[in-house]
PDB file of all heavy atoms in Angstrom:
ATOM      1  N   GLY A   1     -41.254-204.412 -57.583  1.00  0.00           N
ATOM      2  CA  GLY A   1     -41.276-203.205 -56.776  1.00  0.00           C
ATOM      3  C   GLY A   1     -41.570-203.411 -55.308  1.00  0.00           C
ATOM      4  O   GLY A   1     -41.430-202.488 -54.496  1.00  0.00           O
ATOM      5  N   ASN A   2     -41.970-204.619 -54.926  1.00  0.00           N
ATOM      6  CA  ASN A   2     -42.270-204.920 -53.523  1.00  0.00           C
ATOM      7  C   ASN A   2     -41.013-205.471 -52.841  1.00  0.00           C
ATOM      8  O   ASN A   2     -40.676-206.635 -52.991  1.00  0.00           O
ATOM      9  CB  ASN A   2     -43.415-205.934 -53.437  1.00  0.00           C
ATOM     10  CG  ASN A   2     -43.788-206.266 -51.992  1.00  0.00           C
ATOM     11  OD1 ASN A   2     -43.293-205.639 -51.051  1.00  0.00           O
ATOM     12  ND2 ASN A   2     -44.640-207.255 -51.835  1.00  0.00           N
ATOM     13  N   LYS A   3     -40.313-204.606 -52.105  1.00  0.00           N
ATOM     14  CA  LYS A   3     -39.048-205.019 -51.499  1.00  0.00           C
ATOM     15  C   LYS A   3     -39.149-205.186 -49.982  1.00  0.00           C
ATOM     16  O   LYS A   3     -38.151-205.134 -49.261  1.00  0.00           O
ATOM     17  CB  LYS A   3     -37.957-204.003 -51.836  1.00  0.00           C
ATOM     18  CG  LYS A   3     -37.675-203.918 -53.330  1.00  0.00           C
ATOM     19  CD  LYS A   3     -36.503-203.005 -53.618  1.00  0.00           C
ATOM     20  CE  LYS A   3     -36.196-202.968 -55.114  1.00  0.00           C
ATOM     21  NZ  LYS A   3     -35.033-202.117 -55.432  1.00  0.00           N
ATOM     22  N   GLU A   4     -40.346-205.433 -49.496  1.00  0.00           N
ATOM     23  CA  GLU A   4     -40.546-205.591 -48.053  1.00  0.00           C
ATOM     24  C   GLU A   4     -40.148-206.981 -47.563  1.00  0.00           C
ATOM     25  O   GLU A   4     -39.703-207.140 -46.433  1.00  0.00           O
ATOM     26  CB  GLU A   4     -42.016-205.314 -47.696  1.00  0.00           C
ATOM     27  CG  GLU A   4     -42.431-203.875 -47.934  1.00  0.00           C
ATOM     28  CD  GLU A   4     -43.875-203.637 -47.547  1.00  0.00           C
ATOM     29  OE1 GLU A   4     -44.518-204.612 -47.072  1.00  0.00           O
ATOM     30  OE2 GLU A   4     -44.356-202.507 -47.703  1.00  0.00           O
ATOM     31  N   LYS A   5     -40.343-207.984 -48.401  1.00  0.00           N
ATOM     32  CA  LYS A   5     -40.048-209.355 -47.983  1.00  0.00           C
ATOM     33  C   LYS A   5     -38.541-209.627 -47.999  1.00  0.00           C
ATOM     34  O   LYS A   5     -37.878-209.373 -49.011  1.00  0.00           O
ATOM     35  CB  LYS A   5     -40.752-210.364 -48.890  1.00  0.00           C
ATOM     36  CG  LYS A   5     -42.271-210.368 -48.753  1.00  0.00           C
ATOM     37  CD  LYS A   5     -42.880-211.467 -49.617  1.00  0.00           C
ATOM     38  CE  LYS A   5     -44.395-211.499 -49.441  1.00  0.00           C
ATOM     39  NZ  LYS A   5     -45.009-212.568 -50.280  1.00  0.00           N
ATOM     40  N   PRO A   6     -37.997-210.145 -46.911  1.00  0.00           N
ATOM     41  CA  PRO A   6     -36.550-210.469 -46.885  1.00  0.00           C
ATOM     42  C   PRO A   6     -36.290-211.865 -47.466  1.00  0.00           C
ATOM     43  O   PRO A   6     -37.178-212.719 -47.497  1.00  0.00           O
ATOM     44  CB  PRO A   6     -36.225-210.431 -45.391  1.00  0.00           C
ATOM     45  CG  PRO A   6     -37.497-210.894 -44.734  1.00  0.00           C
ATOM     46  CD  PRO A   6     -38.618-210.329 -45.590  1.00  0.00           C
ATOM     47  N   TYR A   7     -35.078-212.070 -47.904  1.00  0.00           N
ATOM     48  CA  TYR A   7     -34.681-213.395 -48.373  1.00  0.00           C
ATOM     49  C   TYR A   7     -34.451-214.314 -47.170  1.00  0.00           C
ATOM     50  O   TYR A   7     -34.051-213.860 -46.090  1.00  0.00           O
ATOM     51  CB  TYR A   7     -33.386-213.322 -49.188  1.00  0.00           C
ATOM     52  CG  TYR A   7     -33.562-212.733 -50.564  1.00  0.00           C
ATOM     53  CD1 TYR A   7     -33.161-211.422 -50.827  1.00  0.00           C
ATOM     54  CD2 TYR A   7     -34.117-213.481 -51.593  1.00  0.00           C
ATOM     55  CE1 TYR A   7     -33.308-210.870 -52.095  1.00  0.00           C
ATOM     56  CE2 TYR A   7     -34.268-212.942 -52.863  1.00  0.00           C
ATOM     57  CZ  TYR A   7     -33.862-211.638 -53.108  1.00  0.00           C
ATOM     58  OH  TYR A   7     -34.019-211.104 -54.358  1.00  0.00           O
ATOM     59  N   ARG A   8     -34.707-215.591 -47.369  1.00  0.00           N
ATOM     60  CA  ARG A   8     -34.417-216.571 -46.326  1.00  0.00           C
ATOM     61  C   ARG A   8     -32.976-217.050 -46.460  1.00  0.00           C
ATOM     62  O   ARG A   8     -32.481-217.234 -47.577  1.00  0.00           O
ATOM     63  CB  ARG A   8     -35.352-217.786 -46.435  1.00  0.00           C
ATOM     64  CG  ARG A   8     -36.791-217.493 -46.072  1.00  0.00           C
ATOM     65  CD  ARG A   8     -37.599-218.777 -46.042  1.00  0.00           C
ATOM     66  NE  ARG A   8     -38.999-218.522 -45.706  1.00  0.00           N
ATOM     67  CZ  ARG A   8     -39.919-219.474 -45.610  1.00  0.00           C
ATOM     68  NH1 ARG A   8     -39.588-220.749 -45.824  1.00  0.00           N
ATOM     69  NH2 ARG A   8     -41.165-219.171 -45.311  1.00  0.00           N
ATOM     70  N   ARG A   9     -32.343-217.269 -45.346  1.00  0.00           N
ATOM     71  CA  ARG A   9     -30.993-217.846 -45.364  1.00  0.00           C
ATOM     72  C   ARG A   9     -31.133-219.346 -45.562  1.00  0.00           C
ATOM     73  O   ARG A   9     -31.720-220.043 -44.728  1.00  0.00           O
ATOM     74  CB  ARG A   9     -30.263-217.535 -44.060  1.00  0.00           C
ATOM     75  CG  ARG A   9     -28.838-218.018 -44.059  1.00  0.00           C
ATOM     76  CD  ARG A   9     -28.173-217.735 -42.726  1.00  0.00           C
ATOM     77  NE  ARG A   9     -26.829-218.274 -42.692  1.00  0.00           N
ATOM     78  CZ  ARG A   9     -26.079-218.330 -41.598  1.00  0.00           C
ATOM     79  NH1 ARG A   9     -26.558-217.849 -40.453  1.00  0.00           N
ATOM     80  NH2 ARG A   9     -24.866-218.841 -41.641  1.00  0.00           N
ATOM     81  N   ILE A  10     -30.598-219.862 -46.652  1.00  0.00           N
ATOM     82  CA  ILE A  10     -30.818-221.269 -47.002  1.00  0.00           C
ATOM     83  C   ILE A  10     -29.956-222.207 -46.156  1.00  0.00           C
ATOM     84  O   ILE A  10     -30.449-223.166 -45.574  1.00  0.00           O
ATOM     85  CB  ILE A  10     -30.555-221.502 -48.505  1.00  0.00           C
ATOM     86  CG1 ILE A  10     -31.601-220.734 -49.326  1.00  0.00           C
ATOM     87  CG2 ILE A  10     -30.606-222.996 -48.837  1.00  0.00           C
ATOM     88  CD1 ILE A  10     -31.442-220.874 -50.817  1.00  0.00           C
ATOM     89  N   ILE A  11     -28.648-221.930 -46.073  1.00  0.00           N
ATOM     90  CA  ILE A  11     -27.758-222.800 -45.287  1.00  0.00           C
ATOM     91  C   ILE A  11     -27.676-222.215 -43.879  1.00  0.00           C
ATOM     92  O   ILE A  11     -26.787-221.412 -43.569  1.00  0.00           O
ATOM     93  CB  ILE A  11     -26.355-222.902 -45.927  1.00  0.00           C
ATOM     94  CG1 ILE A  11     -26.477-223.262 -47.403  1.00  0.00           C
ATOM     95  CG2 ILE A  11     -25.510-223.940 -45.189  1.00  0.00           C
ATOM     96  CD1 ILE A  11     -27.231-224.557 -47.674  1.00  0.00           C
ATOM     97  N   CYS A  12     -28.625-222.629 -43.030  1.00  0.00           N
ATOM     98  CA  CYS A  12     -28.768-221.982 -41.720  1.00  0.00           C
ATOM     99  C   CYS A  12     -28.476-222.911 -40.541  1.00  0.00           C
ATOM    100  O   CYS A  12     -28.601-222.503 -39.388  1.00  0.00           O
ATOM    101  CB  CYS A  12     -30.178-221.412 -41.584  1.00  0.00           C
ATOM    102  SG  CYS A  12     -31.483-222.622 -41.818  1.00  0.00           S
ATOM    103  N   ASN A  13     -28.083-224.160 -40.806  1.00  0.00           N
ATOM    104  CA  ASN A  13     -27.719-225.060 -39.710  1.00  0.00           C
ATOM    105  C   ASN A  13     -26.737-226.118 -40.202  1.00  0.00           C
ATOM    106  O   ASN A  13     -26.458-226.228 -41.407  1.00  0.00           O
ATOM    107  CB  ASN A  13     -28.971-225.711 -39.082  1.00  0.00           C
ATOM    108  CG  ASN A  13     -29.781-226.516 -40.086  1.00  0.00           C
ATOM    109  OD1 ASN A  13     -29.242-227.358 -40.803  1.00  0.00           O
ATOM    110  ND2 ASN A  13     -31.087-226.265 -40.132  1.00  0.00           N
ATOM    111  N   GLY A  14     -26.225-226.914 -39.266  1.00  0.00           N
ATOM    112  CA  GLY A  14     -25.194-227.893 -39.590  1.00  0.00           C
ATOM    113  C   GLY A  14     -25.649-228.971 -40.559  1.00  0.00           C
ATOM    114  O   GLY A  14     -24.883-229.393 -41.441  1.00  0.00           O
ATOM    115  N   TYR A  15     -26.877-229.435 -40.427  1.00  0.00           N
ATOM    116  CA  TYR A  15     -27.355-230.503 -41.309  1.00  0.00           C
ATOM    117  C   TYR A  15     -27.543-230.007 -42.744  1.00  0.00           C
ATOM    118  O   TYR A  15     -27.303-230.753 -43.703  1.00  0.00           O
ATOM    119  CB  TYR A  15     -28.646-231.111 -40.765  1.00  0.00           C
ATOM    120  CG  TYR A  15     -28.381-232.176 -39.719  1.00  0.00           C
ATOM    121  CD1 TYR A  15     -28.593-231.918 -38.374  1.00  0.00           C
ATOM    122  CD2 TYR A  15     -27.894-233.428 -40.086  1.00  0.00           C
ATOM    123  CE1 TYR A  15     -28.331-232.884 -37.409  1.00  0.00           C
ATOM    124  CE2 TYR A  15     -27.628-234.400 -39.133  1.00  0.00           C
ATOM    125  CZ  TYR A  15     -27.848-234.123 -37.795  1.00  0.00           C
ATOM    126  OH  TYR A  15     -27.577-235.091 -36.853  1.00  0.00           O
ATOM    127  N   ARG A  16     -27.973-228.768 -42.896  1.00  0.00           N
ATOM    128  CA  ARG A  16     -28.085-228.229 -44.265  1.00  0.00           C
ATOM    129  C   ARG A  16     -26.703-228.111 -44.910  1.00  0.00           C
ATOM    130  O   ARG A  16     -26.540-228.392 -46.095  1.00  0.00           O
ATOM    131  CB  ARG A  16     -28.795-226.874 -44.245  1.00  0.00           C
ATOM    132  CG  ARG A  16     -30.265-226.964 -43.887  1.00  0.00           C
ATOM    133  CD  ARG A  16     -31.003-225.694 -44.259  1.00  0.00           C
ATOM    134  NE  ARG A  16     -32.409-225.760 -43.870  1.00  0.00           N
ATOM    135  CZ  ARG A  16     -33.335-224.906 -44.270  1.00  0.00           C
ATOM    136  NH1 ARG A  16     -33.000-223.898 -45.057  1.00  0.00           N
ATOM    137  NH2 ARG A  16     -34.580-225.039 -43.875  1.00  0.00           N
ATOM    138  N   LYS A  17     -25.722-227.684 -44.116  1.00  0.00           N
ATOM    139  CA  LYS A  17     -24.352-227.602 -44.642  1.00  0.00           C
ATOM    140  C   LYS A  17     -23.853-228.997 -44.983  1.00  0.00           C
ATOM    141  O   LYS A  17     -23.191-229.202 -46.015  1.00  0.00           O
ATOM    142  CB  LYS A  17     -23.451-226.959 -43.570  1.00  0.00           C
ATOM    143  CG  LYS A  17     -21.982-226.810 -43.984  1.00  0.00           C
ATOM    144  CD  LYS A  17     -21.779-225.746 -45.034  1.00  0.00           C
ATOM    145  CE  LYS A  17     -20.290-225.544 -45.345  1.00  0.00           C
ATOM    146  NZ  LYS A  17     -19.537-224.959 -44.222  1.00  0.00           N
ATOM    147  N   PHE A  18     -24.188-229.987 -44.153  1.00  0.00           N
ATOM    148  CA  PHE A  18     -23.808-231.380 -44.387  1.00  0.00           C
ATOM    149  C   PHE A  18     -24.366-231.844 -45.735  1.00  0.00           C
ATOM    150  O   PHE A  18     -23.670-232.469 -46.548  1.00  0.00           O
ATOM    151  CB  PHE A  18     -24.348-232.248 -43.249  1.00  0.00           C
ATOM    152  CG  PHE A  18     -23.671-233.586 -43.090  1.00  0.00           C
ATOM    153  CD1 PHE A  18     -23.874-234.333 -41.935  1.00  0.00           C
ATOM    154  CD2 PHE A  18     -22.858-234.119 -44.079  1.00  0.00           C
ATOM    155  CE1 PHE A  18     -23.264-235.568 -41.758  1.00  0.00           C
ATOM    156  CE2 PHE A  18     -22.240-235.361 -43.930  1.00  0.00           C
ATOM    157  CZ  PHE A  18     -22.452-236.085 -42.763  1.00  0.00           C
ATOM    158  N   VAL A  19     -25.634-231.539 -45.994  1.00  0.00           N
ATOM    159  CA  VAL A  19     -26.277-231.915 -47.259  1.00  0.00           C
ATOM    160  C   VAL A  19     -25.525-231.313 -48.443  1.00  0.00           C
ATOM    161  O   VAL A  19     -25.215-232.014 -49.421  1.00  0.00           O
ATOM    162  CB  VAL A  19     -27.750-231.450 -47.287  1.00  0.00           C
ATOM    163  CG1 VAL A  19     -28.340-231.632 -48.690  1.00  0.00           C
ATOM    164  CG2 VAL A  19     -28.579-232.224 -46.276  1.00  0.00           C
ATOM    165  N   MET A  20     -25.207-230.047 -48.366  1.00  0.00           N
ATOM    166  CA  MET A  20     -24.523-229.372 -49.472  1.00  0.00           C
ATOM    167  C   MET A  20     -23.113-229.909 -49.679  1.00  0.00           C
ATOM    168  O   MET A  20     -22.641-230.043 -50.813  1.00  0.00           O
ATOM    169  CB  MET A  20     -24.478-227.861 -49.209  1.00  0.00           C
ATOM    170  CG  MET A  20     -25.848-227.190 -49.196  1.00  0.00           C
ATOM    171  SD  MET A  20     -26.816-227.504 -50.684  1.00  0.00           S
ATOM    172  CE  MET A  20     -25.757-226.789 -51.946  1.00  0.00           C
ATOM    173  N   LEU A  21     -22.434-230.243 -48.566  1.00  0.00           N
ATOM    174  CA  LEU A  21     -21.087-230.808 -48.680  1.00  0.00           C
ATOM    175  C   LEU A  21     -21.122-232.154 -49.408  1.00  0.00           C
ATOM    176  O   LEU A  21     -20.269-232.428 -50.266  1.00  0.00           O
ATOM    177  CB  LEU A  21     -20.477-230.983 -47.286  1.00  0.00           C
ATOM    178  CG  LEU A  21     -20.098-229.704 -46.533  1.00  0.00           C
ATOM    179  CD1 LEU A  21     -19.721-230.031 -45.089  1.00  0.00           C
ATOM    180  CD2 LEU A  21     -18.963-228.968 -47.224  1.00  0.00           C
ATOM    181  N   VAL A  22     -22.099-232.982 -49.074  1.00  0.00           N
ATOM    182  CA  VAL A  22     -22.219-234.292 -49.728  1.00  0.00           C
ATOM    183  C   VAL A  22     -22.524-234.120 -51.215  1.00  0.00           C
ATOM    184  O   VAL A  22     -21.976-234.846 -52.062  1.00  0.00           O
ATOM    185  CB  VAL A  22     -23.305-235.145 -49.041  1.00  0.00           C
ATOM    186  CG1 VAL A  22     -23.607-236.402 -49.858  1.00  0.00           C
ATOM    187  CG2 VAL A  22     -22.869-235.539 -47.627  1.00  0.00           C
ATOM    188  N   ILE A  23     -23.380-233.158 -51.546  1.00  0.00           N
ATOM    189  CA  ILE A  23     -23.696-232.904 -52.959  1.00  0.00           C
ATOM    190  C   ILE A  23     -22.442-232.481 -53.719  1.00  0.00           C
ATOM    191  O   ILE A  23     -22.168-232.975 -54.816  1.00  0.00           O
ATOM    192  CB  ILE A  23     -24.784-231.817 -53.076  1.00  0.00           C
ATOM    193  CG1 ILE A  23     -26.117-232.350 -52.564  1.00  0.00           C
ATOM    194  CG2 ILE A  23     -24.928-231.346 -54.529  1.00  0.00           C
ATOM    195  CD1 ILE A  23     -27.205-231.307 -52.480  1.00  0.00           C
ATOM    196  N   VAL A  24     -21.666-231.580 -53.118  1.00  0.00           N
ATOM    197  CA  VAL A  24     -20.426-231.112 -53.760  1.00  0.00           C
ATOM    198  C   VAL A  24     -19.452-232.277 -53.944  1.00  0.00           C
ATOM    199  O   VAL A  24     -18.805-232.403 -54.991  1.00  0.00           O
ATOM    200  CB  VAL A  24     -19.782-229.983 -52.931  1.00  0.00           C
ATOM    201  CG1 VAL A  24     -18.386-229.651 -53.464  1.00  0.00           C
ATOM    202  CG2 VAL A  24     -20.656-228.742 -52.960  1.00  0.00           C
ATOM    203  N   SER A  25     -19.331-233.151 -52.951  1.00  0.00           N
ATOM    204  CA  SER A  25     -18.432-234.302 -53.059  1.00  0.00           C
ATOM    205  C   SER A  25     -18.889-235.279 -54.135  1.00  0.00           C
ATOM    206  O   SER A  25     -18.067-235.936 -54.788  1.00  0.00           O
ATOM    207  CB  SER A  25     -18.362-235.041 -51.713  1.00  0.00           C
ATOM    208  OG  SER A  25     -17.679-234.292 -50.738  1.00  0.00           O
TER     209      SER A  25
END
């Protein structure tokens, strides 16, 4: 019932995207 806290954006910069791309590959 506590909906005040927002979610964090996980893929928020180039290096994080790089990490995810390597994992997918």
